[in-house]
PDB file of N, CA and C in Angstrom:
ATOM      1  N   UNK A   1       0.531  -1.287  -0.300  1.00  0.00           N
ATOM      2  CA  UNK A   1       0.018  -0.476   0.119  1.00  0.00           C
ATOM      3  C   UNK A   1       0.943   1.325   0.031  1.00  0.00           C
ATOM      4  N   UNK A   2       0.504   2.281  -0.526  1.00  0.00           N
ATOM      5  CA  UNK A   2       1.304   3.238  -0.675  1.00  0.00           C
ATOM      6  C   UNK A   2       0.762   4.568  -0.391  1.00  0.00           C
ATOM      7  N   UNK A   3       1.100   5.655   0.126  1.00  0.00           N
ATOM      8  CA  UNK A   3       0.439   6.787   0.544  1.00  0.00           C
ATOM      9  C   UNK A   3       1.238   8.047   0.122  1.00  0.00           C
ATOM     10  N   UNK A   4       0.688   8.712  -0.796  1.00  0.00           N
ATOM     11  CA  UNK A   4       0.995   9.467  -1.966  1.00  0.00           C
ATOM     12  C   UNK A   4       0.507  11.029  -2.245  1.00  0.00           C
ATOM     13  N   UNK A   5       1.844  11.925  -1.645  1.00  0.00           N
ATOM     14  CA  UNK A   5       1.295  13.163  -1.064  1.00  0.00           C
ATOM     15  C   UNK A   5       1.757  13.593  -2.399  1.00  0.00           C
ATOM     16  N   UNK A   6       1.041  14.608  -3.122  1.00  0.00           N
ATOM     17  CA  UNK A   6       0.998  15.363  -4.467  1.00  0.00           C
ATOM     18  C   UNK A   6       0.658  17.081  -4.418  1.00  0.00           C
ATOM     19  N   UNK A   7       2.156  17.914  -4.009  1.00  0.00           N
ATOM     20  CA  UNK A   7       1.545  19.333  -3.524  1.00  0.00           C
ATOM     21  C   UNK A   7       1.540  20.160  -5.202  1.00  0.00           C
ATOM     22  N   UNK A   8       1.124  20.710  -5.881  1.00  0.00           N
ATOM     23  CA  UNK A   8       0.876  21.548  -7.118  1.00  0.00           C
ATOM     24  C   UNK A   8       1.920  22.559  -6.883  1.00  0.00           C
ATOM     25  N   UNK A   9       2.724  22.572  -8.041  1.00  0.00           N
ATOM     26  CA  UNK A   9       3.363  23.648  -8.105  1.00  0.00           C
ATOM     27  C   UNK A   9       2.674  24.840  -9.010  1.00  0.00           C
ATOM     28  N   UNK A  10       1.754  25.638  -7.954  1.00  0.00           N
ATOM     29  CA  UNK A  10       0.898  26.553  -8.519  1.00  0.00           C
ATOM     30  C   UNK A  10       1.453  27.757  -9.202  1.00  0.00           C
ATOM     31  N   UNK A  11       2.654  28.427  -9.011  1.00  0.00           N
ATOM     32  CA  UNK A  11       3.720  29.356  -9.378  1.00  0.00           C
ATOM     33  C   UNK A  11       3.645  28.900 -10.992  1.00  0.00           C
ATOM     34  N   UNK A  12       3.912  27.624 -11.241  1.00  0.00           N
ATOM     35  CA  UNK A  12       4.523  27.499 -12.471  1.00  0.00           C
ATOM     36  C   UNK A  12       3.161  26.752 -13.399  1.00  0.00           C
ATOM     37  N   UNK A  13       2.209  26.990 -13.256  1.00  0.00           N
ATOM     38  CA  UNK A  13       1.005  26.415 -13.514  1.00  0.00           C
ATOM     39  C   UNK A  13       0.625  27.633 -14.879  1.00  0.00           C
ATOM     40  N   UNK A  14       0.340  27.313 -16.131  1.00  0.00           N
ATOM     41  CA  UNK A  14       0.362  28.434 -16.581  1.00  0.00           C
ATOM     42  C   UNK A  14      -0.878  28.871 -16.327  1.00  0.00           C
ATOM     43  N   UNK A  15      -1.019  30.493 -16.591  1.00  0.00           N
ATOM     44  CA  UNK A  15      -2.738  31.050 -16.482  1.00  0.00           C
ATOM     45  C   UNK A  15      -3.578  30.855 -17.535  1.00  0.00           C
ATOM     46  N   UNK A  16      -4.736  30.684 -16.955  1.00  0.00           N
ATOM     47  CA  UNK A  16      -5.850  29.573 -17.738  1.00  0.00           C
ATOM     48  C   UNK A  16      -5.430  28.582 -17.856  1.00  0.00           C
ATOM     49  N   UNK A  17      -4.944  27.865 -17.493  1.00  0.00           N
ATOM     50  CA  UNK A  17      -5.183  26.410 -17.328  1.00  0.00           C
ATOM     51  C   UNK A  17      -5.365  25.861 -16.560  1.00  0.00           C
ATOM     52  N   UNK A  18      -5.595  26.405 -15.341  1.00  0.00           N
ATOM     53  CA  UNK A  18      -5.571  25.592 -14.048  1.00  0.00           C
ATOM     54  C   UNK A  18      -7.309  24.752 -14.624  1.00  0.00           C
ATOM     55  N   UNK A  19      -8.370  24.962 -14.825  1.00  0.00           N
ATOM     56  CA  UNK A  19      -9.575  23.860 -14.744  1.00  0.00           C
ATOM     57  C   UNK A  19      -9.308  23.192 -16.016  1.00  0.00           C
ATOM     58  N   UNK A  20      -8.848  23.593 -17.024  1.00  0.00           N
ATOM     59  CA  UNK A  20      -8.272  22.010 -17.870  1.00  0.00           C
ATOM     60  C   UNK A  20      -7.426  21.048 -17.166  1.00  0.00           C
ATOM     61  N   UNK A  21      -6.258  21.031 -16.579  1.00  0.00           N
ATOM     62  CA  UNK A  21      -5.299  20.841 -15.962  1.00  0.00           C
ATOM     63  C   UNK A  21      -6.122  19.945 -14.771  1.00  0.00           C
ATOM     64  N   UNK A  22      -6.811  20.456 -14.122  1.00  0.00           N
ATOM     65  CA  UNK A  22      -7.680  20.268 -12.771  1.00  0.00           C
ATOM     66  C   UNK A  22      -8.886  18.996 -13.532  1.00  0.00           C
ATOM     67  N   UNK A  23      -9.113  19.048 -14.873  1.00  0.00           N
ATOM     68  CA  UNK A  23     -10.595  18.142 -15.140  1.00  0.00           C
ATOM     69  C   UNK A  23      -9.735  17.123 -15.122  1.00  0.00           C
ATOM     70  N   UNK A  24      -8.617  17.095 -16.251  1.00  0.00           N
ATOM     71  CA  UNK A  24      -7.183  15.955 -16.522  1.00  0.00           C
ATOM     72  C   UNK A  24      -7.228  15.057 -15.483  1.00  0.00           C
ATOM     73  N   UNK A  25      -6.493  15.989 -14.542  1.00  0.00           N
ATOM     74  CA  UNK A  25      -6.106  15.396 -12.529  1.00  0.00           C
ATOM     75  C   UNK A  25      -7.320  14.285 -12.582  1.00  0.00           C
ATOM     76  N   UNK A  26      -8.586  14.769 -12.403  1.00  0.00           N
ATOM     77  CA  UNK A  26      -9.753  14.064 -11.566  1.00  0.00           C
ATOM     78  C   UNK A  26     -10.187  12.807 -12.433  1.00  0.00           C
ATOM     79  N   UNK A  27     -10.238  13.114 -14.101  1.00  0.00           N
ATOM     80  CA  UNK A  27     -10.170  11.692 -15.062  1.00  0.00           C
ATOM     81  C   UNK A  27      -9.354  11.044 -15.008  1.00  0.00           C
ATOM     82  N   UNK A  28      -7.710  11.013 -13.884  1.00  0.00           N
ATOM     83  CA  UNK A  28      -6.808  10.126 -14.077  1.00  0.00           C
ATOM     84  C   UNK A  28      -7.124   9.683 -12.620  1.00  0.00           C
ATOM     85  N   UNK A  29      -7.787  10.276 -11.734  1.00  0.00           N
ATOM     86  CA  UNK A  29      -7.568   9.377 -10.171  1.00  0.00           C
ATOM     87  C   UNK A  29      -8.835   8.875 -10.116  1.00  0.00           C
ATOM     88  N   UNK A  30      -9.798   9.615 -10.595  1.00  0.00           N
ATOM     89  CA  UNK A  30     -11.154   8.473 -10.951  1.00  0.00           C
ATOM     90  C   UNK A  30     -11.195   7.039 -11.882  1.00  0.00           C
ATOM     91  N   UNK A  31      -9.938   6.715 -12.686  1.00  0.00           N
ATOM     92  CA  UNK A  31     -10.191   6.481 -13.629  1.00  0.00           C
ATOM     93  C   UNK A  31      -9.145   5.148 -12.363  1.00  0.00           C
ATOM     94  N   UNK A  32      -8.047   5.329 -11.688  1.00  0.00           N
ATOM     95  CA  UNK A  32      -7.503   4.404 -10.951  1.00  0.00           C
ATOM     96  C   UNK A  32      -8.568   3.809  -9.468  1.00  0.00           C
ATOM     97  N   UNK A  33      -9.243   5.220  -9.109  1.00  0.00           N
ATOM     98  CA  UNK A  33     -10.297   4.825  -8.139  1.00  0.00           C
ATOM     99  C   UNK A  33     -11.231   3.337  -8.518  1.00  0.00           C
ATOM    100  N   UNK A  34     -11.856   4.070 -10.074  1.00  0.00           N
ATOM    101  CA  UNK A  34     -12.833   3.107 -10.714  1.00  0.00           C
ATOM    102  C   UNK A  34     -11.991   1.242 -10.725  1.00  0.00           C
ATOM    103  N   UNK A  35     -10.816   1.383 -10.520  1.00  0.00           N
ATOM    104  CA  UNK A  35     -10.523   0.092 -10.987  1.00  0.00           C
ATOM    105  C   UNK A  35      -9.596  -0.769  -9.577  1.00  0.00           C
ATOM    106  N   UNK A  36     -10.086   0.186  -8.670  1.00  0.00           N
ATOM    107  CA  UNK A  36      -9.882  -0.179  -7.474  1.00  0.00           C
ATOM    108  C   UNK A  36      -7.981  -0.268  -7.017  1.00  0.00           C
ATOM    109  N   UNK A  37      -7.171   0.163  -8.130  1.00  0.00           N
ATOM    110  CA  UNK A  37      -6.297   0.820  -7.191  1.00  0.00           C
ATOM    111  C   UNK A  37      -5.952   1.900  -6.427  1.00  0.00           C
ATOM    112  N   UNK A  38      -6.946   2.481  -6.039  1.00  0.00           N
ATOM    113  CA  UNK A  38      -6.619   3.704  -5.438  1.00  0.00           C
ATOM    114  C   UNK A  38      -7.736   3.848  -4.443  1.00  0.00           C
ATOM    115  N   UNK A  39      -7.487   3.771  -3.308  1.00  0.00           N
ATOM    116  CA  UNK A  39      -8.205   3.220  -2.015  1.00  0.00           C
ATOM    117  C   UNK A  39      -9.317   4.572  -1.399  1.00  0.00           C
ATOM    118  N   UNK A  40      -8.543   5.604  -1.725  1.00  0.00           N
ATOM    119  CA  UNK A  40      -8.854   6.702  -0.931  1.00  0.00           C
ATOM    120  C   UNK A  40      -7.902   7.854  -1.382  1.00  0.00           C
ATOM    121  N   UNK A  41      -8.940   9.011  -1.409  1.00  0.00           N
ATOM    122  CA  UNK A  41      -8.273  10.005  -1.826  1.00  0.00           C
ATOM    123  C   UNK A  41      -9.120  11.746  -1.746  1.00  0.00           C
ATOM    124  N   UNK A  42      -8.174  12.936  -1.263  1.00  0.00           N
ATOM    125  CA  UNK A  42      -9.013  13.833  -1.234  1.00  0.00           C
ATOM    126  C   UNK A  42      -7.805  14.854  -0.967  1.00  0.00           C
ATOM    127  N   UNK A  43      -8.908  16.314  -1.323  1.00  0.00           N
ATOM    128  CA  UNK A  43      -7.221  17.283  -0.934  1.00  0.00           C
ATOM    129  C   UNK A  43      -7.375  17.650   0.515  1.00  0.00           C
ATOM    130  N   UNK A  44      -6.267  18.143   0.674  1.00  0.00           N
ATOM    131  CA  UNK A  44      -5.707  18.892   1.979  1.00  0.00           C
ATOM    132  C   UNK A  44      -6.963  19.895   2.774  1.00  0.00           C
ATOM    133  N   UNK A  45      -7.384  19.910   3.204  1.00  0.00           N
ATOM    134  CA  UNK A  45      -8.208  20.937   4.152  1.00  0.00           C
ATOM    135  C   UNK A  45      -7.095  22.011   4.833  1.00  0.00           C
ATOM    136  N   UNK A  46      -6.286  21.995   4.656  1.00  0.00           N
ATOM    137  CA  UNK A  46      -5.427  23.241   5.641  1.00  0.00           C
ATOM    138  C   UNK A  46      -4.384  23.653   4.468  1.00  0.00           C
ATOM    139  N   UNK A  47      -4.061  22.977   3.345  1.00  0.00           N
ATOM    140  CA  UNK A  47      -3.205  23.488   1.890  1.00  0.00           C
ATOM    141  C   UNK A  47      -4.034  22.952   0.742  1.00  0.00           C
ATOM    142  N   UNK A  48      -4.240  24.540   0.730  1.00  0.00           N
ATOM    143  CA  UNK A  48      -4.557  24.438  -1.288  1.00  0.00           C
ATOM    144  C   UNK A  48      -3.597  24.089  -2.401  1.00  0.00           C
ATOM    145  N   UNK A  49      -3.974  23.403  -3.322  1.00  0.00           N
ATOM    146  CA  UNK A  49      -3.622  22.860  -3.971  1.00  0.00           C
ATOM    147  C   UNK A  49      -2.945  21.809  -3.744  1.00  0.00           C
ATOM    148  N   UNK A  50      -2.984  20.683  -2.790  1.00  0.00           N
ATOM    149  CA  UNK A  50      -2.658  19.363  -2.340  1.00  0.00           C
ATOM    150  C   UNK A  50      -3.018  18.600  -1.862  1.00  0.00           C
ATOM    151  N   UNK A  51      -2.782  17.128  -1.694  1.00  0.00           N
ATOM    152  CA  UNK A  51      -3.888  16.007  -1.718  1.00  0.00           C
ATOM    153  C   UNK A  51      -3.635  15.458  -1.523  1.00  0.00           C
ATOM    154  N   UNK A  52      -4.080  14.064  -0.605  1.00  0.00           N
ATOM    155  CA  UNK A  52      -2.796  12.721  -0.308  1.00  0.00           C
ATOM    156  C   UNK A  52      -3.981  11.544  -1.134  1.00  0.00           C
ATOM    157  N   UNK A  53      -3.296  10.682  -1.638  1.00  0.00           N
ATOM    158  CA  UNK A  53      -4.344   9.693  -1.922  1.00  0.00           C
ATOM    159  C   UNK A  53      -3.724   7.754  -1.551  1.00  0.00           C
ATOM    160  N   UNK A  54      -4.559   7.368  -1.288  1.00  0.00           N
ATOM    161  CA  UNK A  54      -3.642   5.841  -0.838  1.00  0.00           C
ATOM    162  C   UNK A  54      -4.046   5.216  -1.799  1.00  0.00           C
ATOM    163  N   UNK A  55      -3.042   4.103  -2.243  1.00  0.00           N
ATOM    164  CA  UNK A  55      -3.171   3.198  -3.544  1.00  0.00           C
ATOM    165  C   UNK A  55      -2.536   2.072  -2.940  1.00  0.00           C
ATOM    166  N   UNK A  56      -3.342   1.150  -3.488  1.00  0.00           N
ATOM    167  CA  UNK A  56      -2.844  -0.540  -3.736  1.00  0.00           C
ATOM    168  C   UNK A  56      -2.475  -1.080  -4.781  1.00  0.00           C
ATOM    169  N   UNK A  57      -1.302  -1.704  -5.062  1.00  0.00           N
ATOM    170  CA  UNK A  57      -0.481  -1.815  -6.235  1.00  0.00           C
ATOM    171  C   UNK A  57       0.408  -3.111  -6.302  1.00  0.00           C
ATOM    172  N   UNK A  58       0.047  -3.991  -7.752  1.00  0.00           N
ATOM    173  CA  UNK A  58       1.086  -4.983  -7.837  1.00  0.00           C
ATOM    174  C   UNK A  58       2.350  -4.758  -7.125  1.00  0.00           C
ATOM    175  N   UNK A  59       2.989  -3.636  -7.376  1.00  0.00           N
ATOM    176  CA  UNK A  59       4.158  -3.200  -7.116  1.00  0.00           C
ATOM    177  C   UNK A  59       4.352  -1.502  -7.087  1.00  0.00           C
ATOM    178  N   UNK A  60       5.565  -1.354  -7.041  1.00  0.00           N
ATOM    179  CA  UNK A  60       5.788   0.049  -7.078  1.00  0.00           C
ATOM    180  C   UNK A  60       5.898   0.595  -8.852  1.00  0.00           C
ATOM    181  N   UNK A  61       6.695  -0.621  -9.229  1.00  0.00           N
ATOM    182  CA  UNK A  61       6.466  -0.010 -11.121  1.00  0.00           C
ATOM    183  C   UNK A  61       5.497   0.072 -11.409  1.00  0.00           C
ATOM    184  N   UNK A  62       4.459  -0.339 -10.793  1.00  0.00           N
ATOM    185  CA  UNK A  62       3.306  -0.387 -11.492  1.00  0.00           C
ATOM    186  C   UNK A  62       2.621   0.891 -10.872  1.00  0.00           C
ATOM    187  N   UNK A  63       2.851   1.753 -10.015  1.00  0.00           N
ATOM    188  CA  UNK A  63       2.557   2.850  -9.147  1.00  0.00           C
ATOM    189  C   UNK A  63       3.222   3.874 -10.039  1.00  0.00           C
ATOM    190  N   UNK A  64       4.395   3.588 -10.352  1.00  0.00           N
ATOM    191  CA  UNK A  64       4.993   4.718 -10.885  1.00  0.00           C
ATOM    192  C   UNK A  64       4.514   4.913 -12.457  1.00  0.00           C
ATOM    193  N   UNK A  65       4.126   3.802 -12.776  1.00  0.00           N
ATOM    194  CA  UNK A  65       3.893   4.189 -14.442  1.00  0.00           C
ATOM    195  C   UNK A  65       2.364   4.509 -14.355  1.00  0.00           C
ATOM    196  N   UNK A  66       1.241   4.814 -13.209  1.00  0.00           N
ATOM    197  CA  UNK A  66       0.102   5.176 -12.868  1.00  0.00           C
ATOM    198  C   UNK A  66       0.622   6.434 -12.714  1.00  0.00           C
ATOM    199  N   UNK A  67       1.572   6.964 -11.902  1.00  0.00           N
ATOM    200  CA  UNK A  67       1.273   8.535 -11.452  1.00  0.00           C
ATOM    201  C   UNK A  67       1.921   9.094 -12.922  1.00  0.00           C
ATOM    202  N   UNK A  68       2.495   8.248 -13.812  1.00  0.00           N
ATOM    203  CA  UNK A  68       3.285   8.864 -15.030  1.00  0.00           C
ATOM    204  C   UNK A  68       1.939   9.513 -15.828  1.00  0.00           C
ATOM    205  N   UNK A  69       1.021   8.679 -15.653  1.00  0.00           N
ATOM    206  CA  UNK A  69       0.150   9.122 -16.622  1.00  0.00           C
ATOM    207  C   UNK A  69      -0.966  10.618 -15.808  1.00  0.00           C
ATOM    208  N   UNK A  70      -0.288  11.015 -14.729  1.00  0.00           N
ATOM    209  CA  UNK A  70      -1.053  12.373 -13.979  1.00  0.00           C
ATOM    210  C   UNK A  70      -0.505  13.576 -15.516  1.00  0.00           C
ATOM    211  N   UNK A  71      -1.444  14.531 -15.448  1.00  0.00           N
ATOM    212  CA  UNK A  71      -1.306  15.535 -16.373  1.00  0.00           C
ATOM    213  C   UNK A  71      -0.419  16.329 -15.623  1.00  0.00           C
ATOM    214  N   UNK A  72      -0.790  16.210 -14.456  1.00  0.00           N
ATOM    215  CA  UNK A  72       0.707  17.082 -13.575  1.00  0.00           C
ATOM    216  C   UNK A  72       2.006  16.807 -13.466  1.00  0.00           C
ATOM    217  N   UNK A  73       1.683  15.593 -13.701  1.00  0.00           N
ATOM    218  CA  UNK A  73       3.426  14.706 -13.277  1.00  0.00           C
ATOM    219  C   UNK A  73       3.871  14.843 -14.869  1.00  0.00           C
ATOM    220  N   UNK A  74       3.010  14.671 -16.063  1.00  0.00           N
ATOM    221  CA  UNK A  74       3.754  14.735 -17.224  1.00  0.00           C
ATOM    222  C   UNK A  74       4.316  16.272 -17.610  1.00  0.00           C
ATOM    223  N   UNK A  75       3.995  17.519 -16.734  1.00  0.00           N
ATOM    224  CA  UNK A  75       3.841  18.398 -17.104  1.00  0.00           C
ATOM    225  C   UNK A  75       4.851  19.236 -16.175  1.00  0.00           C
ATOM    226  N   UNK A  76       5.085  18.139 -14.954  1.00  0.00           N
ATOM    227  CA  UNK A  76       6.236  18.872 -13.864  1.00  0.00           C
ATOM    228  C   UNK A  76       5.797  19.877 -13.779  1.00  0.00           C
ATOM    229  N   UNK A  77       4.467  19.327 -12.763  1.00  0.00           N
ATOM    230  CA  UNK A  77       3.830  21.206 -12.223  1.00  0.00           C
ATOM    231  C   UNK A  77       2.974  20.406 -10.833  1.00  0.00           C
ATOM    232  N   UNK A  78       3.514  19.680 -10.348  1.00  0.00           N
ATOM    233  CA  UNK A  78       3.350  19.229  -8.425  1.00  0.00           C
ATOM    234  C   UNK A  78       4.836  18.365  -8.580  1.00  0.00           C
ATOM    235  N   UNK A  79       4.285  18.071  -7.261  1.00  0.00           N
ATOM    236  CA  UNK A  79       6.033  17.140  -6.083  1.00  0.00           C
ATOM    237  C   UNK A  79       5.018  16.395  -6.048  1.00  0.00           C
ATOM    238  N   UNK A  80       5.384  15.165  -6.253  1.00  0.00           N
ATOM    239  CA  UNK A  80       4.735  14.034  -5.652  1.00  0.00           C
ATOM    240  C   UNK A  80       5.661  13.138  -4.782  1.00  0.00           C
ATOM    241  N   UNK A  81       5.035  12.611  -3.199  1.00  0.00           N
ATOM    242  CA  UNK A  81       5.752  12.237  -2.167  1.00  0.00           C
ATOM    243  C   UNK A  81       5.054  10.879  -2.184  1.00  0.00           C
ATOM    244  N   UNK A  82       6.183   9.568  -2.470  1.00  0.00           N
ATOM    245  CA  UNK A  82       5.550   8.108  -2.343  1.00  0.00           C
ATOM    246  C   UNK A  82       5.954   7.729  -1.191  1.00  0.00           C
ATOM    247  N   UNK A  83       5.348   7.218  -0.160  1.00  0.00           N
ATOM    248  CA  UNK A  83       5.766   6.122   1.316  1.00  0.00           C
ATOM    249  C   UNK A  83       4.824   5.013   0.539  1.00  0.00           C
ATOM    250  N   UNK A  84       5.909   3.686   1.171  1.00  0.00           N
ATOM    251  CA  UNK A  84       5.151   2.387   1.359  1.00  0.00           C
ATOM    252  C   UNK A  84       4.483   2.162   2.871  1.00  0.00           C
ATOM    253  N   UNK A  85       3.335   2.101   2.709  1.00  0.00           N
ATOM    254  CA  UNK A  85       2.337   1.976   3.969  1.00  0.00           C
ATOM    255  C   UNK A  85       2.065   0.528   3.944  1.00  0.00           C
ATOM    256  N   UNK A  86       2.317   0.070   5.200  1.00  0.00           N
ATOM    257  CA  UNK A  86       1.236  -1.734   5.826  1.00  0.00           C
ATOM    258  C   UNK A  86       0.442  -0.730   6.800  1.00  0.00           C
ATOM    259  N   UNK A  87      -0.927  -1.409   5.983  1.00  0.00           N
ATOM    260  CA  UNK A  87      -2.146  -0.992   7.449  1.00  0.00           C
ATOM    261  C   UNK A  87      -2.524  -2.163   8.315  1.00  0.00           C
ATOM    262  N   UNK A  88      -2.110  -2.267   9.812  1.00  0.00           N
ATOM    263  CA  UNK A  88      -2.091  -2.883  10.387  1.00  0.00           C
ATOM    264  C   UNK A  88      -3.549  -2.876  11.136  1.00  0.00           C
ATOM    265  N   UNK A  89      -4.255  -1.514  11.100  1.00  0.00           N
ATOM    266  CA  UNK A  89      -5.947  -1.699  11.696  1.00  0.00           C
ATOM    267  C   UNK A  89      -6.419  -0.913  11.129  1.00  0.00           C
ATOM    268  N   UNK A  90      -7.770  -1.119  10.210  1.00  0.00           N
ATOM    269  CA  UNK A  90      -8.553  -0.756   9.761  1.00  0.00           C
ATOM    270  C   UNK A  90      -9.547  -0.333  10.515  1.00  0.00           C
ATOM    271  N   UNK A  91     -10.086   0.974  10.641  1.00  0.00           N
ATOM    272  CA  UNK A  91     -11.267   1.206  11.279  1.00  0.00           C
ATOM    273  C   UNK A  91     -13.138   0.322  10.636  1.00  0.00           C
ATOM    274  N   UNK A  92     -13.754  -0.149  11.126  1.00  0.00           N
ATOM    275  CA  UNK A  92     -14.923  -0.462  10.300  1.00  0.00           C
ATOM    276  C   UNK A  92     -15.686   0.467  10.057  1.00  0.00           C
ATOM    277  N   UNK A  93     -15.444   1.847  10.579  1.00  0.00           N
ATOM    278  CA  UNK A  93     -16.128   2.988  10.226  1.00  0.00           C
ATOM    279  C   UNK A  93     -15.505   4.218   9.127  1.00  0.00           C
ATOM    280  N   UNK A  94     -14.773   3.469   8.453  1.00  0.00           N
ATOM    281  CA  UNK A  94     -14.190   3.802   7.734  1.00  0.00           C
ATOM    282  C   UNK A  94     -15.032   4.738   6.769  1.00  0.00           C
ATOM    283  N   UNK A  95     -15.790   3.829   6.166  1.00  0.00           N
ATOM    284  CA  UNK A  95     -17.030   4.519   5.012  1.00  0.00           C
ATOM    285  C   UNK A  95     -17.414   5.458   5.801  1.00  0.00           C
ATOM    286  N   UNK A  96     -17.741   5.895   6.893  1.00  0.00           N
ATOM    287  CA  UNK A  96     -18.636   6.968   7.481  1.00  0.00           C
ATOM    288  C   UNK A  96     -18.043   8.208   7.245  1.00  0.00           C
ATOM    289  N   UNK A  97     -16.651   8.330   7.106  1.00  0.00           N
ATOM    290  CA  UNK A  97     -15.851   9.713   6.762  1.00  0.00           C
ATOM    291  C   UNK A  97     -15.958  10.342   5.757  1.00  0.00           C
ATOM    292  N   UNK A  98     -16.589   9.231   4.814  1.00  0.00           N
ATOM    293  CA  UNK A  98     -16.261  10.219   2.835  1.00  0.00           C
ATOM    294  C   UNK A  98     -17.030  11.549   3.461  1.00  0.00           C
ATOM    295  N   UNK A  99     -16.231  11.938   2.784  1.00  0.00           N
ATOM    296  CA  UNK A  99     -16.526  13.822   2.418  1.00  0.00           C
ATOM    297  C   UNK A  99     -16.201  14.667   3.560  1.00  0.00           C
ATOM    298  N   UNK A 100     -15.884  13.663   4.734  1.00  0.00           N
ATOM    299  CA  UNK A 100     -16.221  14.652   5.821  1.00  0.00           C
ATOM    300  C   UNK A 100     -14.301  15.117   6.361  1.00  0.00           C
TER     301      UNK A 100
END
């Protein structure tokens, strides 16, 4: 399992491209969420232009290939920090926290 911290480089995102890039980013993470590769994701509430993805893939190489498809990655418009994570305990109430 992987924790992926993404922080946009808002100072270098071309003016007028925010909405187009964000739409591409959302399509990218929706694709992998629907495939069951991204288990949980969302923006940080205390930092604009940043968020977290919890992912499960067969290998780090598979994850790296998936990340390379993101519009922000391809254009070097975000920093990605990937940490390998082992979930030892998972709360049964986890689904109740969606959107909060």
